[in-house]
Protein backbone atom coordinates (compact mmCIF):
# COMPACT_ATOMS: atom_id res chain seq x y z
CA MET A 1 -38.88 14.24 -45.09
CA ASN A 2 -39.53 14.72 -48.79
CA ASP A 3 -37.06 16.53 -51.07
CA GLY A 4 -39.28 19.61 -51.45
CA ALA A 5 -39.61 20.11 -47.70
CA ALA A 6 -35.86 19.58 -47.21
CA LYS A 7 -35.03 22.16 -49.89
CA TYR A 8 -37.49 24.64 -48.37
CA ARG A 9 -35.96 24.17 -44.90
CA GLU A 10 -32.47 24.63 -46.36
CA MET A 11 -33.53 27.85 -48.14
CA GLU A 12 -35.16 29.10 -44.95
CA LEU A 13 -32.02 28.33 -42.93
CA ASN A 14 -29.78 30.04 -45.48
CA ALA A 15 -31.97 33.17 -45.38
CA MET A 16 -31.54 33.54 -41.61
CA SER A 17 -29.08 35.96 -40.09
CA PRO A 18 -25.99 34.21 -38.68
CA ALA A 19 -27.16 34.80 -35.08
CA LYS A 20 -30.67 33.51 -35.81
CA ARG A 21 -29.16 30.43 -37.51
CA ILE A 22 -27.10 29.68 -34.40
CA VAL A 23 -30.18 30.02 -32.17
CA PHE A 24 -32.04 27.67 -34.52
CA LEU A 25 -29.20 25.12 -34.36
CA TYR A 26 -29.07 25.27 -30.57
CA SER A 27 -32.85 24.84 -30.38
CA PHE A 28 -32.70 21.84 -32.68
CA LEU A 29 -29.80 20.41 -30.65
CA LEU A 30 -31.78 20.87 -27.44
CA GLY A 31 -34.76 19.08 -28.94
CA GLN A 32 -32.60 16.13 -29.98
CA LEU A 33 -30.99 15.90 -26.53
CA GLU A 34 -34.36 16.04 -24.77
CA GLN A 35 -35.77 13.40 -27.12
CA ALA A 36 -32.71 11.21 -26.46
CA GLN A 37 -33.37 11.61 -22.73
CA ARG A 38 -36.99 10.45 -23.15
CA LEU A 39 -35.89 7.52 -25.32
CA THR A 40 -33.28 6.56 -22.72
CA ASP A 41 -36.08 6.43 -20.14
CA SER A 42 -38.11 4.14 -22.41
CA ASN A 43 -35.09 1.95 -23.27
CA ASP A 44 -35.37 2.75 -27.00
CA GLN A 45 -31.70 2.31 -27.85
CA GLU A 46 -32.14 2.71 -31.60
CA GLY A 47 -34.16 5.92 -31.28
CA ARG A 48 -31.78 7.33 -28.68
CA SER A 49 -28.79 6.61 -30.91
CA LYS A 50 -30.50 8.30 -33.86
CA CYS A 51 -31.20 11.45 -31.80
CA LEU A 52 -27.66 11.52 -30.44
CA GLY A 53 -26.33 11.13 -34.00
CA LYS A 54 -28.37 14.13 -35.10
CA ALA A 55 -27.09 16.02 -32.06
CA GLN A 56 -23.51 15.21 -33.11
CA ASP A 57 -24.29 16.53 -36.60
CA VAL A 58 -25.55 19.82 -35.15
CA VAL A 59 -22.52 20.25 -32.89
CA THR A 60 -20.26 19.52 -35.85
CA GLU A 61 -22.11 22.18 -37.86
CA LEU A 62 -21.67 24.68 -35.02
CA LEU A 63 -17.96 23.88 -34.98
CA VAL A 64 -17.63 24.23 -38.76
CA ILE A 65 -19.37 27.63 -38.92
CA LEU A 66 -17.40 29.00 -35.98
CA ASP A 67 -15.28 31.94 -37.18
CA ARG A 68 -12.18 31.55 -35.07
CA ASP A 69 -10.39 34.49 -36.71
CA ALA A 70 -13.15 36.99 -35.98
CA GLY A 71 -14.25 35.36 -32.73
CA GLY A 72 -10.89 35.34 -30.98
CA GLN A 73 -10.81 33.90 -27.47
CA ILE A 74 -14.59 33.40 -27.30
CA ALA A 75 -14.49 31.33 -30.49
CA ASP A 76 -11.66 29.25 -29.04
CA GLN A 77 -13.70 28.65 -25.89
CA LEU A 78 -16.75 27.67 -27.94
CA ALA A 79 -14.60 25.27 -29.97
CA SER A 80 -13.50 23.64 -26.70
CA ILE A 81 -17.12 23.38 -25.56
CA TYR A 82 -18.13 21.81 -28.88
CA ALA A 83 -15.25 19.31 -28.64
CA TYR A 84 -16.44 18.41 -25.15
CA PHE A 85 -20.00 17.98 -26.47
CA LEU A 86 -18.82 15.66 -29.25
CA LYS A 87 -16.82 13.53 -26.81
CA GLU A 88 -19.74 13.30 -24.41
CA LEU A 89 -22.24 12.49 -27.19
CA VAL A 90 -20.09 9.63 -28.45
CA GLU A 91 -19.69 8.21 -24.96
CA ILE A 92 -23.39 8.60 -24.12
CA THR A 93 -24.30 6.88 -27.39
CA VAL A 94 -22.19 3.87 -26.40
CA LYS A 95 -23.24 3.86 -22.74
CA PRO A 96 -26.39 5.78 -21.72
CA ASP A 97 -25.72 8.16 -18.85
CA LYS A 98 -28.62 10.39 -17.77
CA PRO A 99 -26.57 12.77 -15.56
CA ARG A 100 -24.13 13.44 -18.42
CA LEU A 101 -27.00 13.94 -20.84
CA ASN A 102 -28.66 16.32 -18.36
CA ARG A 103 -25.43 18.36 -18.20
CA LEU A 104 -25.44 18.66 -22.00
CA ILE A 105 -29.10 19.71 -21.93
CA SER A 106 -28.32 22.35 -19.29
CA LEU A 107 -25.29 23.68 -21.18
CA THR A 108 -27.23 23.76 -24.45
CA THR A 109 -30.08 25.66 -22.80
CA THR A 110 -27.63 28.23 -21.40
CA LEU A 111 -25.89 28.68 -24.74
CA ARG A 112 -29.15 28.89 -26.69
CA ASP A 113 -30.58 31.47 -24.29
CA ALA A 114 -27.40 33.60 -24.47
CA TRP A 115 -27.38 33.51 -28.28
CA SER A 116 -31.11 34.22 -28.37
CA GLU A 117 -30.60 37.33 -26.24
CA ALA A 118 -27.68 38.44 -28.42
CA GLU A 119 -29.77 37.87 -31.57
CA ARG A 120 -32.63 39.93 -30.14
CA SER A 121 -30.33 42.82 -29.26
CA LEU A 122 -28.76 42.72 -32.72
CA SER A 123 -32.14 42.78 -34.43
CA GLU A 124 -33.47 45.80 -32.51
CA PRO A 125 -33.52 49.05 -34.48
CA PRO A 126 -30.46 51.20 -33.64
CA ASP A 127 -32.60 54.06 -32.28
CA TYR A 128 -34.31 51.70 -29.84
CA ARG A 129 -30.97 50.37 -28.54
CA ALA A 130 -29.73 53.92 -27.92
CA ALA A 131 -32.95 54.88 -26.13
CA ALA A 132 -32.91 51.71 -24.02
CA SER A 133 -29.37 52.34 -22.78
CA ALA A 134 -30.06 55.99 -21.91
């Protein structure tokens, strides 16, 4: 990617709400895991390793931006999930394991969908939320 496109993507990411940024990161993570799965099927070890490396970068970013003070117990649980992801990604990079990769894909999908729903509810106008709950 050229420098201009990278800077634009960075500006776009920085302009997102925190919840939207997390959904974006989960979506990107999911794409990398699914691509790694396809590359595992085609025995492309170099491509698979590259995707899994990007996936590790995303999980590390999710861990870094996690606000453990404000997030309390949920943040602690997410930190444990991210640590599990990192351990699994390292092991899958060394030794391909489709069932383990499928578990990560499933967990990522669940987390992304939950954050997406939370982001949608946060972005609704306050009057709409009150009317919807009535």
